[in-house]
Amino acid sequence: MTAEPNVEFVEKAGRAEGQARPTRLKRLWGDVMRTRLDKSGSRLRLVGLAFIGVFCVISGKLVYIGLKPEAPQTLKRAASEAVSGARPDILDRNGEVLATDIKTMSVFAEPRRIIDKDEAVELLTAVMPDVNATDLRERLGSRKGFVWVKRGITPSQQAEVYRLGLPGIGFLPENRRVYPNGPVAAHVLGFANLDNQGIAGIEKYIDGQGLADLHGAGFKLTAEDLKPITLSLDLKATHAVRDELAKGVAHFKAKSGAAAVMDVNTGEIVAFASLPDYDPNNPVDALDPDHINRLTVGVYEMGSTFKAISIAMALEANKVTLNSRLDARENLRYGRFTIHDFHAEHKMLTVPEVFKYSSNIGTARMAMLVGVDGHKAFLRKMGQLDRLRTELPESAEPLVPRNWSELNTITIAFGQGLNVAPLQAMMAVGALSNGGYMIKPSFLKRDSDDVRSQYPRVVRPEVSEELRYLMRLNATVGSAKKANIPGYFAGGKTGTADKIIHGRYAKDKVFTTFMSIIPADKPKYLFLVLMDDPQSLPETYGYHTAAWNSGVVCGNIMTRVAPLLDMAPAIALPQQPFPFVAKLGIGMNDVLQ
């Protein structure tokens, strides 16, 4: 049975509870407020520390930015600085411009600002069809802030690109290197790349003299700030040499050729050509291995032109005189090797006859008289065993026998077994011609009136005169008749070397050289011509030796170039060209023809 609730008690309890609820709420709110106030100090400290940390980070960043070196603000500015370096003009000895800078415009892009990259590629390649569309699309699709579109555009292309109005496409002014004479003197000048940095030849030499360091240090140089570089080359003479050489290479169907003219009294190279060559305005052809500088980078057996050095060696060592006789009646046997003459006389030969007939046997006997050690010492003194260093960075080391025996001395005496750069062989013959001074070749104009005093004498003056007499004799009654240009009292020496093919000498492929001096009594210029594998022609009677090709070309060069070098032909021959030789009782009739 359920009990009835006590109504009176419930009402009283309700009233009591209603009265107690506000009191409890006040007490709870007080506890809450008291708790927050107790914790507010630590929270404020935490917030303060956070603000201090943020402030320190920002302050540190500002200090770092303020103290670090100034960096390019954009890739555009960095590119502008990279291409702003000017180069000095390069002039020939008469002030004619061989290389100079011009101002040009290049197109750049900022890929992040280009809205429609496909449209940009289509429009840009329509204006500049030589730009590869696929490559350009890849560059514009990169995340870089700056890329090149094309370097060195024409004014009309610039105007067309400007009219396109493409966002993110702009222009930068650049210094561009130009060579107004095209391939003339290309191997001497070298070339500069798109950033106007010297890559080869004199251009690279200039950078090595401090220009690259100045640009790297941030110096803003203009062409007006830089003194022009004056070369020893004569532009007109160099053009004539190259032209005659090109005609000769084509006529004799040679694989290549080279020629040079050197002032024997100063060492200045006044004309220089090596074919095939390239146009430094489009230097990609310079990468062709067949376009090397054959006068400084190529090394060759110089053939009988080396006999001039060998005979001078024997004369300097007092092992022979011009009146000495050498036995050339039979072939010279050395072990299993046999030395023979191309045009054998089968008789005792005087030293002039050895030179005139280009006797291998006679020259070898003279070298044997000097000996291996003496031979090596003389060739080293003549600069034939070490790399020739000039202003041109490109040069080759001679190929010298590893184990030098008497057989090496025998063969090297007549131009086989030692490979040298033609320019260093030219240097040696120049020393034998100028009175005996070993003057290092130079491609820079030399202002000194007395260059000889700066270089050592390697042979006596009498030996130099004897060598000049032999070269003059060879031009009148020997193999160098092609160099006997009327009015110039020239002297010369031929050289024909069999080429080495697969380790063996090939009898049907030759390398020919020809050297000539004018005038022989008091030399001013030495001419050198070489040809690689010239062919025999009906007019040469089946011969392809030096006298019939390199000698012919050298004669043509001398005839054309000598007047350009202010050497007018003499009306009469000198009366006493070789006084020391005359005292030896040797007649002058043959050389005065």
Foldseek 3Di string as FASTA:
>chain_A
DDDDDDVVVVVVVVVVVVVCVVVVVVVVVVVVVVVCVVCVVVVVVVVVVVVVVVVVVVVVVVVVVVPDDDDDPAVVVVVLLLFQAADAFEAEQVRHTFKHKDKFKFKKFQLVFFDDLVVVLVQLCVLVVVFDSVVSSVVSPDNGRMDTRGAGDDPVSVVSVVVVVTPRMDMHMGIDMAGVVFFQCCQQCPAADSSRQGDFHLSPLRVVVPSVVCSVVPDRDDNVNDDYFYWHEDRVLQVLLQVLQVVLCVVLVFLWKWKWKAFLQALGTHYIDTPPAGTNVPCPVVPPPSHHRQQFQNWDQAFQLLLLLLLLLLVQVVVADQADWDQQLDWDDDPPDTHHAPDGPNGIHGPLRCQQSVTLRRSLVSLVSCPQVSLVVLCVVLVQQAWADESTPRGYGKDADPDDDSVCSSQVNRGPRIIHRNVSSVQSLSCLQQQQWRHRHYGGDDPDPRNSVVTDGSGGSLSSLVSLLSQLLNCQRGLLVLQCDAQFCKGKHKGKAFDQDPNRGDPQWIKIKMWMFTNSLRTGMIMIMITGGGFDDVVNVRDDGHSVRVSNSRSSSCVPNCVVVVHDGHPADDPCSRVVVVVVVDDCVSSRD
